[in-house]
PDB file of all heavy atoms in Angstrom:
ATOM      1  N   THR A   1       0.818  -1.249   0.031  1.00  0.00           N
ATOM      2  CA  THR A   1      -0.004  -0.026   0.056  1.00  0.00           C
ATOM      3  C   THR A   1       0.886   1.205   0.025  1.00  0.00           C
ATOM      4  O   THR A   1       0.575   2.216  -0.737  1.00  0.00           O
ATOM      5  CB  THR A   1      -0.922   0.019   1.216  1.00  0.00           C
ATOM      6  OG1 THR A   1      -1.735  -1.197   1.183  1.00  0.00           O
ATOM      7  CG2 THR A   1      -1.836   1.214   1.235  1.00  0.00           C
ATOM      8  N   TYR A   2       1.937   1.188   0.791  1.00  0.00           N
ATOM      9  CA  TYR A   2       2.786   2.401   0.844  1.00  0.00           C
ATOM     10  C   TYR A   2       3.538   2.614  -0.435  1.00  0.00           C
ATOM     11  O   TYR A   2       3.615   3.717  -0.910  1.00  0.00           O
ATOM     12  CB  TYR A   2       3.765   2.181   2.009  1.00  0.00           C
ATOM     13  CG  TYR A   2       4.791   3.348   2.146  1.00  0.00           C
ATOM     14  CD1 TYR A   2       4.272   4.560   2.638  1.00  0.00           C
ATOM     15  CD2 TYR A   2       6.080   3.154   1.893  1.00  0.00           C
ATOM     16  CE1 TYR A   2       5.173   5.605   2.792  1.00  0.00           C
ATOM     17  CE2 TYR A   2       6.989   4.229   2.062  1.00  0.00           C
ATOM     18  CZ  TYR A   2       6.541   5.420   2.529  1.00  0.00           C
ATOM     19  OH  TYR A   2       7.402   6.474   2.660  1.00  0.00           O
ATOM     20  N   MET A   3       4.098   1.565  -1.039  1.00  0.00           N
ATOM     21  CA  MET A   3       4.833   1.659  -2.297  1.00  0.00           C
ATOM     22  C   MET A   3       3.890   2.143  -3.372  1.00  0.00           C
ATOM     23  O   MET A   3       4.313   2.947  -4.180  1.00  0.00           O
ATOM     24  CB  MET A   3       5.440   0.300  -2.658  1.00  0.00           C
ATOM     25  CG  MET A   3       6.577  -0.100  -1.873  1.00  0.00           C
ATOM     26  SD  MET A   3       8.083   0.823  -2.368  1.00  0.00           S
ATOM     27  CE  MET A   3       8.495   0.006  -3.957  1.00  0.00           C
ATOM     28  N   ARG A   4       2.681   1.608  -3.426  1.00  0.00           N
ATOM     29  CA  ARG A   4       1.772   2.028  -4.498  1.00  0.00           C
ATOM     30  C   ARG A   4       1.507   3.567  -4.402  1.00  0.00           C
ATOM     31  O   ARG A   4       1.615   4.278  -5.413  1.00  0.00           O
ATOM     32  CB  ARG A   4       0.396   1.352  -4.407  1.00  0.00           C
ATOM     33  CG  ARG A   4      -0.590   1.704  -5.379  1.00  0.00           C
ATOM     34  CD  ARG A   4      -1.843   0.886  -5.447  1.00  0.00           C
ATOM     35  NE  ARG A   4      -1.644  -0.426  -5.983  1.00  0.00           N
ATOM     36  CZ  ARG A   4      -1.530  -1.557  -5.316  1.00  0.00           C
ATOM     37  NH1 ARG A   4      -1.743  -1.514  -3.971  1.00  0.00           N
ATOM     38  NH2 ARG A   4      -1.337  -2.730  -5.929  1.00  0.00           N
ATOM     39  N   SER A   5       1.247   4.070  -3.222  1.00  0.00           N
ATOM     40  CA  SER A   5       0.968   5.435  -3.065  1.00  0.00           C
ATOM     41  C   SER A   5       2.235   6.304  -3.460  1.00  0.00           C
ATOM     42  O   SER A   5       2.109   7.300  -4.117  1.00  0.00           O
ATOM     43  CB  SER A   5       0.587   5.710  -1.570  1.00  0.00           C
ATOM     44  OG  SER A   5       0.471   7.111  -1.362  1.00  0.00           O
ATOM     45  N   ALA A   6       3.376   5.881  -3.043  1.00  0.00           N
ATOM     46  CA  ALA A   6       4.610   6.651  -3.251  1.00  0.00           C
ATOM     47  C   ALA A   6       4.972   6.686  -4.762  1.00  0.00           C
ATOM     48  O   ALA A   6       5.390   7.671  -5.301  1.00  0.00           O
ATOM     49  CB  ALA A   6       5.746   6.067  -2.475  1.00  0.00           C
ATOM     50  N   LEU A   7       4.809   5.533  -5.396  1.00  0.00           N
ATOM     51  CA  LEU A   7       5.185   5.437  -6.807  1.00  0.00           C
ATOM     52  C   LEU A   7       4.183   6.175  -7.705  1.00  0.00           C
ATOM     53  O   LEU A   7       4.543   6.773  -8.717  1.00  0.00           O
ATOM     54  CB  LEU A   7       5.344   3.994  -7.217  1.00  0.00           C
ATOM     55  CG  LEU A   7       6.520   3.294  -6.542  1.00  0.00           C
ATOM     56  CD1 LEU A   7       6.585   1.818  -7.003  1.00  0.00           C
ATOM     57  CD2 LEU A   7       7.859   3.955  -6.871  1.00  0.00           C
ATOM     58  N   TYR A   8       2.908   6.104  -7.336  1.00  0.00           N
ATOM     59  CA  TYR A   8       1.917   6.877  -8.118  1.00  0.00           C
ATOM     60  C   TYR A   8       2.114   8.387  -7.945  1.00  0.00           C
ATOM     61  O   TYR A   8       1.952   9.180  -8.861  1.00  0.00           O
ATOM     62  CB  TYR A   8       0.522   6.554  -7.704  1.00  0.00           C
ATOM     63  CG  TYR A   8      -0.059   5.287  -8.363  1.00  0.00           C
ATOM     64  CD1 TYR A   8      -0.758   4.350  -7.579  1.00  0.00           C
ATOM     65  CD2 TYR A   8       0.189   4.963  -9.704  1.00  0.00           C
ATOM     66  CE1 TYR A   8      -1.242   3.166  -8.172  1.00  0.00           C
ATOM     67  CE2 TYR A   8      -0.280   3.818 -10.248  1.00  0.00           C
ATOM     68  CZ  TYR A   8      -0.979   2.979  -9.507  1.00  0.00           C
ATOM     69  OH  TYR A   8      -1.499   1.813 -10.053  1.00  0.00           O
ATOM     70  N   LYS A   9       2.649   8.789  -6.778  1.00  0.00           N
ATOM     71  CA  LYS A   9       2.990  10.122  -6.552  1.00  0.00           C
ATOM     72  C   LYS A   9       4.117  10.595  -7.457  1.00  0.00           C
ATOM     73  O   LYS A   9       4.094  11.691  -8.089  1.00  0.00           O
ATOM     74  CB  LYS A   9       3.384  10.388  -5.061  1.00  0.00           C
ATOM     75  CG  LYS A   9       3.644  11.864  -4.711  1.00  0.00           C
ATOM     76  CD  LYS A   9       4.002  11.936  -3.219  1.00  0.00           C
ATOM     77  CE  LYS A   9       4.240  13.385  -2.844  1.00  0.00           C
ATOM     78  NZ  LYS A   9       4.575  13.554  -1.447  1.00  0.00           N
ATOM     79  N   LEU A  10       5.148   9.726  -7.611  1.00  0.00           N
ATOM     80  CA  LEU A  10       6.239   9.975  -8.565  1.00  0.00           C
ATOM     81  C   LEU A  10       5.680  10.088 -10.022  1.00  0.00           C
ATOM     82  O   LEU A  10       6.110  10.978 -10.798  1.00  0.00           O
ATOM     83  CB  LEU A  10       7.246   8.906  -8.498  1.00  0.00           C
ATOM     84  CG  LEU A  10       8.280   8.952  -7.320  1.00  0.00           C
ATOM     85  CD1 LEU A  10       9.187   7.709  -7.482  1.00  0.00           C
ATOM     86  CD2 LEU A  10       9.053  10.220  -7.222  1.00  0.00           C
ATOM     87  N   GLN A  11       4.727   9.218 -10.407  1.00  0.00           N
ATOM     88  CA  GLN A  11       4.201   9.295 -11.719  1.00  0.00           C
ATOM     89  C   GLN A  11       3.504  10.588 -11.951  1.00  0.00           C
ATOM     90  O   GLN A  11       3.563  11.165 -13.045  1.00  0.00           O
ATOM     91  CB  GLN A  11       3.229   8.078 -11.923  1.00  0.00           C
ATOM     92  CG  GLN A  11       2.751   8.030 -13.351  1.00  0.00           C
ATOM     93  CD  GLN A  11       1.636   6.950 -13.502  1.00  0.00           C
ATOM     94  OE1 GLN A  11       0.957   6.609 -12.539  1.00  0.00           O
ATOM     95  NE2 GLN A  11       1.573   6.351 -14.673  1.00  0.00           N
ATOM     96  N   ARG A  12       2.743  11.068 -10.980  1.00  0.00           N
ATOM     97  CA  ARG A  12       2.054  12.420 -11.170  1.00  0.00           C
ATOM     98  C   ARG A  12       3.086  13.479 -11.332  1.00  0.00           C
ATOM     99  O   ARG A  12       2.733  14.533 -11.978  1.00  0.00           O
ATOM    100  CB  ARG A  12       1.057  12.631 -10.006  1.00  0.00           C
ATOM    101  CG  ARG A  12      -0.105  11.664  -9.916  1.00  0.00           C
ATOM    102  CD  ARG A  12      -1.154  12.082  -8.978  1.00  0.00           C
ATOM    103  NE  ARG A  12      -0.657  12.094  -7.590  1.00  0.00           N
ATOM    104  CZ  ARG A  12      -0.747  11.069  -6.785  1.00  0.00           C
ATOM    105  NH1 ARG A  12      -1.281   9.923  -7.206  1.00  0.00           N
ATOM    106  NH2 ARG A  12      -0.301  11.127  -5.605  1.00  0.00           N
ATOM    107  N   LYS A  13       4.195  13.330 -10.725  1.00  0.00           N
ATOM    108  CA  LYS A  13       5.151  14.390 -10.646  1.00  0.00           C
ATOM    109  C   LYS A  13       6.044  14.478 -11.931  1.00  0.00           C
ATOM    110  O   LYS A  13       6.484  15.547 -12.398  1.00  0.00           O
ATOM    111  CB  LYS A  13       6.054  14.195  -9.414  1.00  0.00           C
ATOM    112  CG  LYS A  13       7.040  15.362  -9.172  1.00  0.00           C
ATOM    113  CD  LYS A  13       7.727  15.099  -7.859  1.00  0.00           C
ATOM    114  CE  LYS A  13       8.670  16.245  -7.483  1.00  0.00           C
ATOM    115  NZ  LYS A  13       9.419  16.073  -6.221  1.00  0.00           N
ATOM    116  N   TYR A  14       6.403  13.265 -12.492  1.00  0.00           N
ATOM    117  CA  TYR A  14       7.331  13.211 -13.590  1.00  0.00           C
ATOM    118  C   TYR A  14       6.664  12.600 -14.852  1.00  0.00           C
ATOM    119  O   TYR A  14       6.217  11.423 -14.802  1.00  0.00           O
ATOM    120  CB  TYR A  14       8.518  12.387 -13.217  1.00  0.00           C
ATOM    121  CG  TYR A  14       9.263  12.989 -12.011  1.00  0.00           C
ATOM    122  CD1 TYR A  14       9.271  12.377 -10.769  1.00  0.00           C
ATOM    123  CD2 TYR A  14       9.964  14.227 -12.183  1.00  0.00           C
ATOM    124  CE1 TYR A  14       9.937  12.959  -9.674  1.00  0.00           C
ATOM    125  CE2 TYR A  14      10.596  14.805 -11.154  1.00  0.00           C
ATOM    126  CZ  TYR A  14      10.635  14.130  -9.907  1.00  0.00           C
ATOM    127  OH  TYR A  14      11.271  14.697  -8.820  1.00  0.00           O
ATOM    128  N   SER A  15       6.615  13.269 -15.939  1.00  0.00           N
ATOM    129  CA  SER A  15       6.018  12.858 -17.171  1.00  0.00           C
ATOM    130  C   SER A  15       6.749  11.672 -17.813  1.00  0.00           C
ATOM    131  O   SER A  15       6.206  10.983 -18.667  1.00  0.00           O
ATOM    132  CB  SER A  15       6.080  14.054 -18.231  1.00  0.00           C
ATOM    133  OG  SER A  15       7.397  14.414 -18.438  1.00  0.00           O
ATOM    134  N   LEU A  16       7.979  11.412 -17.345  1.00  0.00           N
ATOM    135  CA  LEU A  16       8.797  10.302 -17.912  1.00  0.00           C
ATOM    136  C   LEU A  16       8.134   8.950 -17.507  1.00  0.00           C
ATOM    137  O   LEU A  16       8.374   7.949 -18.143  1.00  0.00           O
ATOM    138  CB  LEU A  16      10.183  10.402 -17.381  1.00  0.00           C
ATOM    139  CG  LEU A  16      11.310   9.567 -18.044  1.00  0.00           C
ATOM    140  CD1 LEU A  16      11.413   9.879 -19.525  1.00  0.00           C
ATOM    141  CD2 LEU A  16      12.600   9.863 -17.293  1.00  0.00           C
ATOM    142  N   ILE A  17       7.407   8.913 -16.407  1.00  0.00           N
ATOM    143  CA  ILE A  17       6.898   7.655 -15.865  1.00  0.00           C
ATOM    144  C   ILE A  17       5.503   7.417 -16.568  1.00  0.00           C
ATOM    145  O   ILE A  17       4.486   8.115 -16.278  1.00  0.00           O
ATOM    146  CB  ILE A  17       6.655   7.681 -14.329  1.00  0.00           C
ATOM    147  CG1 ILE A  17       8.035   7.927 -13.706  1.00  0.00           C
ATOM    148  CG2 ILE A  17       6.132   6.375 -13.870  1.00  0.00           C
ATOM    149  CD1 ILE A  17       7.934   8.030 -12.174  1.00  0.00           C
ATOM    150  N   GLY A  18       5.445   6.464 -17.490  1.00  0.00           N
ATOM    151  CA  GLY A  18       4.239   6.194 -18.244  1.00  0.00           C
ATOM    152  C   GLY A  18       3.289   5.273 -17.427  1.00  0.00           C
ATOM    153  O   GLY A  18       2.109   5.422 -17.515  1.00  0.00           O
ATOM    154  N   ASP A  19       3.874   4.336 -16.782  1.00  0.00           N
ATOM    155  CA  ASP A  19       2.995   3.347 -16.048  1.00  0.00           C
ATOM    156  C   ASP A  19       3.701   2.900 -14.762  1.00  0.00           C
ATOM    157  O   ASP A  19       4.953   2.779 -14.698  1.00  0.00           O
ATOM    158  CB  ASP A  19       2.772   2.162 -16.999  1.00  0.00           C
ATOM    159  CG  ASP A  19       1.695   1.204 -16.475  1.00  0.00           C
ATOM    160  OD1 ASP A  19       0.669   1.800 -15.963  1.00  0.00           O
ATOM    161  OD2 ASP A  19       1.744   0.034 -16.653  1.00  0.00           O
ATOM    162  N   VAL A  20       2.871   2.586 -13.797  1.00  0.00           N
ATOM    163  CA  VAL A  20       3.349   2.057 -12.511  1.00  0.00           C
ATOM    164  C   VAL A  20       2.556   0.691 -12.349  1.00  0.00           C
ATOM    165  O   VAL A  20       1.361   0.616 -12.458  1.00  0.00           O
ATOM    166  CB  VAL A  20       3.031   2.941 -11.325  1.00  0.00           C
ATOM    167  CG1 VAL A  20       3.342   2.241 -10.021  1.00  0.00           C
ATOM    168  CG2 VAL A  20       3.800   4.248 -11.441  1.00  0.00           C
ATOM    169  N   ARG A  21       3.332  -0.361 -12.063  1.00  0.00           N
ATOM    170  CA  ARG A  21       2.662  -1.665 -11.911  1.00  0.00           C
ATOM    171  C   ARG A  21       3.359  -2.389 -10.754  1.00  0.00           C
ATOM    172  O   ARG A  21       4.580  -2.304 -10.528  1.00  0.00           O
ATOM    173  CB  ARG A  21       2.958  -2.566 -13.115  1.00  0.00           C
ATOM    174  CG  ARG A  21       2.427  -2.052 -14.439  1.00  0.00           C
ATOM    175  CD  ARG A  21       2.589  -2.999 -15.533  1.00  0.00           C
ATOM    176  NE  ARG A  21       3.950  -3.268 -15.955  1.00  0.00           N
ATOM    177  CZ  ARG A  21       4.614  -2.522 -16.829  1.00  0.00           C
ATOM    178  NH1 ARG A  21       4.058  -1.453 -17.433  1.00  0.00           N
ATOM    179  NH2 ARG A  21       5.887  -2.902 -17.174  1.00  0.00           N
ATOM    180  N   GLY A  22       2.529  -3.069  -9.918  1.00  0.00           N
ATOM    181  CA  GLY A  22       3.156  -3.796  -8.848  1.00  0.00           C
ATOM    182  C   GLY A  22       2.141  -4.494  -7.969  1.00  0.00           C
ATOM    183  O   GLY A  22       0.929  -4.428  -8.049  1.00  0.00           O
ATOM    184  N   VAL A  23       2.692  -5.398  -7.183  1.00  0.00           N
ATOM    185  CA  VAL A  23       1.990  -6.193  -6.154  1.00  0.00           C
ATOM    186  C   VAL A  23       3.020  -6.497  -5.075  1.00  0.00           C
ATOM    187  O   VAL A  23       4.223  -6.709  -5.374  1.00  0.00           O
ATOM    188  CB  VAL A  23       1.393  -7.398  -6.644  1.00  0.00           C
ATOM    189  CG1 VAL A  23       2.417  -8.353  -7.277  1.00  0.00           C
ATOM    190  CG2 VAL A  23       0.519  -8.152  -5.632  1.00  0.00           C
ATOM    191  N   GLY A  24       2.654  -6.472  -3.793  1.00  0.00           N
ATOM    192  CA  GLY A  24       3.562  -6.808  -2.722  1.00  0.00           C
ATOM    193  C   GLY A  24       4.803  -5.887  -2.774  1.00  0.00           C
ATOM    194  O   GLY A  24       4.664  -4.726  -2.775  1.00  0.00           O
ATOM    195  N   LEU A  25       6.020  -6.504  -2.834  1.00  0.00           N
ATOM    196  CA  LEU A  25       7.256  -5.746  -2.945  1.00  0.00           C
ATOM    197  C   LEU A  25       7.925  -6.112  -4.301  1.00  0.00           C
ATOM    198  O   LEU A  25       9.162  -6.423  -4.363  1.00  0.00           O
ATOM    199  CB  LEU A  25       8.214  -6.023  -1.785  1.00  0.00           C
ATOM    200  CG  LEU A  25       7.781  -5.271  -0.500  1.00  0.00           C
ATOM    201  CD1 LEU A  25       8.682  -5.627   0.683  1.00  0.00           C
ATOM    202  CD2 LEU A  25       7.804  -3.721  -0.727  1.00  0.00           C
ATOM    203  N   LEU A  26       7.085  -6.099  -5.365  1.00  0.00           N
ATOM    204  CA  LEU A  26       7.539  -6.297  -6.724  1.00  0.00           C
ATOM    205  C   LEU A  26       6.838  -5.162  -7.557  1.00  0.00           C
ATOM    206  O   LEU A  26       5.665  -5.236  -7.832  1.00  0.00           O
ATOM    207  CB  LEU A  26       7.137  -7.705  -7.264  1.00  0.00           C
ATOM    208  CG  LEU A  26       7.452  -8.012  -8.692  1.00  0.00           C
ATOM    209  CD1 LEU A  26       9.010  -8.120  -8.859  1.00  0.00           C
ATOM    210  CD2 LEU A  26       6.754  -9.319  -9.084  1.00  0.00           C
ATOM    211  N   TRP A  27       7.763  -4.253  -8.026  1.00  0.00           N
ATOM    212  CA  TRP A  27       7.181  -3.054  -8.675  1.00  0.00           C
ATOM    213  C   TRP A  27       7.952  -2.690  -9.956  1.00  0.00           C
ATOM    214  O   TRP A  27       9.157  -3.044 -10.144  1.00  0.00           O
ATOM    215  CB  TRP A  27       7.180  -1.854  -7.754  1.00  0.00           C
ATOM    216  CG  TRP A  27       6.161  -2.027  -6.639  1.00  0.00           C
ATOM    217  CD1 TRP A  27       6.291  -2.677  -5.473  1.00  0.00           C
ATOM    218  CD2 TRP A  27       4.769  -1.647  -6.707  1.00  0.00           C
ATOM    219  NE1 TRP A  27       5.110  -2.740  -4.788  1.00  0.00           N
ATOM    220  CE2 TRP A  27       4.205  -2.052  -5.514  1.00  0.00           C
ATOM    221  CE3 TRP A  27       4.029  -0.908  -7.692  1.00  0.00           C
ATOM    222  CZ2 TRP A  27       2.836  -1.832  -5.310  1.00  0.00           C
ATOM    223  CZ3 TRP A  27       2.710  -0.644  -7.389  1.00  0.00           C
ATOM    224  CH2 TRP A  27       2.085  -1.132  -6.202  1.00  0.00           C
ATOM    225  N   ALA A  28       7.256  -1.977 -10.857  1.00  0.00           N
ATOM    226  CA  ALA A  28       7.899  -1.552 -12.092  1.00  0.00           C
ATOM    227  C   ALA A  28       7.456  -0.137 -12.439  1.00  0.00           C
ATOM    228  O   ALA A  28       6.274   0.161 -12.268  1.00  0.00           O
ATOM    229  CB  ALA A  28       7.540  -2.522 -13.248  1.00  0.00           C
ATOM    230  N   LEU A  29       8.424   0.638 -12.893  1.00  0.00           N
ATOM    231  CA  LEU A  29       8.139   1.918 -13.458  1.00  0.00           C
ATOM    232  C   LEU A  29       8.505   1.868 -14.939  1.00  0.00           C
ATOM    233  O   LEU A  29       9.702   1.673 -15.253  1.00  0.00           O
ATOM    234  CB  LEU A  29       8.947   3.047 -12.764  1.00  0.00           C
ATOM    235  CG  LEU A  29       8.800   3.250 -11.247  1.00  0.00           C
ATOM    236  CD1 LEU A  29       9.623   4.384 -10.762  1.00  0.00           C
ATOM    237  CD2 LEU A  29       7.330   3.541 -10.866  1.00  0.00           C
ATOM    238  N   GLU A  30       7.538   2.031 -15.815  1.00  0.00           N
ATOM    239  CA  GLU A  30       7.838   1.983 -17.267  1.00  0.00           C
ATOM    240  C   GLU A  30       7.990   3.462 -17.720  1.00  0.00           C
ATOM    241  O   GLU A  30       7.041   4.234 -17.618  1.00  0.00           O
ATOM    242  CB  GLU A  30       6.690   1.282 -17.966  1.00  0.00           C
ATOM    243  CG  GLU A  30       7.054   1.225 -19.513  1.00  0.00           C
ATOM    244  CD  GLU A  30       6.510  -0.052 -20.167  1.00  0.00           C
ATOM    245  OE1 GLU A  30       5.942  -0.881 -19.501  1.00  0.00           O
ATOM    246  OE2 GLU A  30       6.624  -0.127 -21.432  1.00  0.00           O
ATOM    247  N   LEU A  31       9.170   3.743 -18.301  1.00  0.00           N
ATOM    248  CA  LEU A  31       9.502   5.070 -18.742  1.00  0.00           C
ATOM    249  C   LEU A  31       9.157   5.281 -20.221  1.00  0.00           C
ATOM    250  O   LEU A  31       9.517   4.442 -21.039  1.00  0.00           O
ATOM    251  CB  LEU A  31      10.989   5.378 -18.410  1.00  0.00           C
ATOM    252  CG  LEU A  31      11.451   5.096 -16.932  1.00  0.00           C
ATOM    253  CD1 LEU A  31      12.808   5.679 -16.686  1.00  0.00           C
ATOM    254  CD2 LEU A  31      10.433   5.623 -15.936  1.00  0.00           C
ATOM    255  N   VAL A  32       8.605   6.431 -20.513  1.00  0.00           N
ATOM    256  CA  VAL A  32       8.254   6.801 -21.910  1.00  0.00           C
ATOM    257  C   VAL A  32       8.648   8.227 -22.188  1.00  0.00           C
ATOM    258  O   VAL A  32       8.681   9.056 -21.283  1.00  0.00           O
ATOM    259  CB  VAL A  32       6.741   6.586 -22.148  1.00  0.00           C
ATOM    260  CG1 VAL A  32       6.393   5.063 -22.057  1.00  0.00           C
ATOM    261  CG2 VAL A  32       5.931   7.433 -21.230  1.00  0.00           C
ATOM    262  N   THR A  33       8.966   8.537 -23.463  1.00  0.00           N
ATOM    263  CA  THR A  33       9.223   9.888 -23.848  1.00  0.00           C
ATOM    264  C   THR A  33       7.999  10.687 -24.035  1.00  0.00           C
ATOM    265  O   THR A  33       7.950  11.902 -23.972  1.00  0.00           O
ATOM    266  CB  THR A  33      10.095   9.878 -25.107  1.00  0.00           C
ATOM    267  OG1 THR A  33       9.370   9.207 -26.137  1.00  0.00           O
ATOM    268  CG2 THR A  33      11.430   9.269 -24.875  1.00  0.00           C
ATOM    269  N   ASP A  34       6.819   9.942 -24.260  1.00  0.00           N
ATOM    270  CA  ASP A  34       5.514  10.615 -24.474  1.00  0.00           C
ATOM    271  C   ASP A  34       4.479   9.690 -24.014  1.00  0.00           C
ATOM    272  O   ASP A  34       4.452   8.503 -24.412  1.00  0.00           O
ATOM    273  CB  ASP A  34       5.348  10.901 -26.032  1.00  0.00           C
ATOM    274  CG  ASP A  34       4.095  11.657 -26.268  1.00  0.00           C
ATOM    275  OD1 ASP A  34       3.014  11.056 -26.151  1.00  0.00           O
ATOM    276  OD2 ASP A  34       4.155  12.871 -26.572  1.00  0.00           O
ATOM    277  N   ARG A  35       3.628  10.154 -23.124  1.00  0.00           N
ATOM    278  CA  ARG A  35       2.569   9.206 -22.550  1.00  0.00           C
ATOM    279  C   ARG A  35       1.470   8.913 -23.612  1.00  0.00           C
ATOM    280  O   ARG A  35       0.839   7.871 -23.387  1.00  0.00           O
ATOM    281  CB  ARG A  35       1.953   9.928 -21.343  1.00  0.00           C
ATOM    282  CG  ARG A  35       2.870   9.940 -20.139  1.00  0.00           C
ATOM    283  CD  ARG A  35       2.197  10.579 -18.961  1.00  0.00           C
ATOM    284  NE  ARG A  35       3.043  10.549 -17.728  1.00  0.00           N
ATOM    285  CZ  ARG A  35       2.784  11.087 -16.603  1.00  0.00           C
ATOM    286  NH1 ARG A  35       1.578  11.735 -16.460  1.00  0.00           N
ATOM    287  NH2 ARG A  35       3.526  10.975 -15.513  1.00  0.00           N
ATOM    288  N   THR A  36       1.398   9.667 -24.647  1.00  0.00           N
ATOM    289  CA  THR A  36       0.380   9.310 -25.667  1.00  0.00           C
ATOM    290  C   THR A  36       0.875   8.201 -26.627  1.00  0.00           C
ATOM    291  O   THR A  36       0.211   7.216 -26.833  1.00  0.00           O
ATOM    292  CB  THR A  36       0.003  10.617 -26.461  1.00  0.00           C
ATOM    293  OG1 THR A  36      -0.483  11.603 -25.501  1.00  0.00           O
ATOM    294  CG2 THR A  36      -1.044  10.281 -27.503  1.00  0.00           C
ATOM    295  N   THR A  37       2.106   8.440 -27.114  1.00  0.00           N
ATOM    296  CA  THR A  37       2.646   7.503 -28.030  1.00  0.00           C
ATOM    297  C   THR A  37       3.270   6.285 -27.348  1.00  0.00           C
ATOM    298  O   THR A  37       3.467   5.212 -27.892  1.00  0.00           O
ATOM    299  CB  THR A  37       3.707   8.118 -28.938  1.00  0.00           C
ATOM    300  OG1 THR A  37       4.826   8.483 -28.098  1.00  0.00           O
ATOM    301  CG2 THR A  37       3.180   9.328 -29.676  1.00  0.00           C
ATOM    302  N   LYS A  38       3.635   6.482 -26.064  1.00  0.00           N
ATOM    303  CA  LYS A  38       4.275   5.430 -25.241  1.00  0.00           C
ATOM    304  C   LYS A  38       5.568   4.928 -25.782  1.00  0.00           C
ATOM    305  O   LYS A  38       6.064   3.854 -25.601  1.00  0.00           O
ATOM    306  CB  LYS A  38       3.333   4.218 -25.079  1.00  0.00           C
ATOM    307  CG  LYS A  38       2.013   4.553 -24.371  1.00  0.00           C
ATOM    308  CD  LYS A  38       1.165   3.342 -24.219  1.00  0.00           C
ATOM    309  CE  LYS A  38      -0.166   3.730 -23.604  1.00  0.00           C
ATOM    310  NZ  LYS A  38      -1.086   2.541 -23.464  1.00  0.00           N
ATOM    311  N   GLU A  39       6.331   5.844 -26.471  1.00  0.00           N
ATOM    312  CA  GLU A  39       7.635   5.498 -26.967  1.00  0.00           C
ATOM    313  C   GLU A  39       8.526   5.327 -25.863  1.00  0.00           C
ATOM    314  O   GLU A  39       8.566   6.047 -24.875  1.00  0.00           O
ATOM    315  CB  GLU A  39       8.128   6.716 -27.894  1.00  0.00           C
ATOM    316  CG  GLU A  39       9.486   6.396 -28.508  1.00  0.00           C
ATOM    317  CD  GLU A  39      10.014   7.556 -29.378  1.00  0.00           C
ATOM    318  OE1 GLU A  39       9.235   8.414 -29.672  1.00  0.00           O
ATOM    319  OE2 GLU A  39      11.214   7.507 -29.714  1.00  0.00           O
TER     320      GLU A  39
END
């Protein structure tokens, strides 16, 4: 719960983070140059 909240906060702050995925203590930040094209 804590990691999900903290990582979503980073996503809202930085446009480079296109997606946040995770469960338990296994998480991923997928980085994109553009959130629309998902490059």
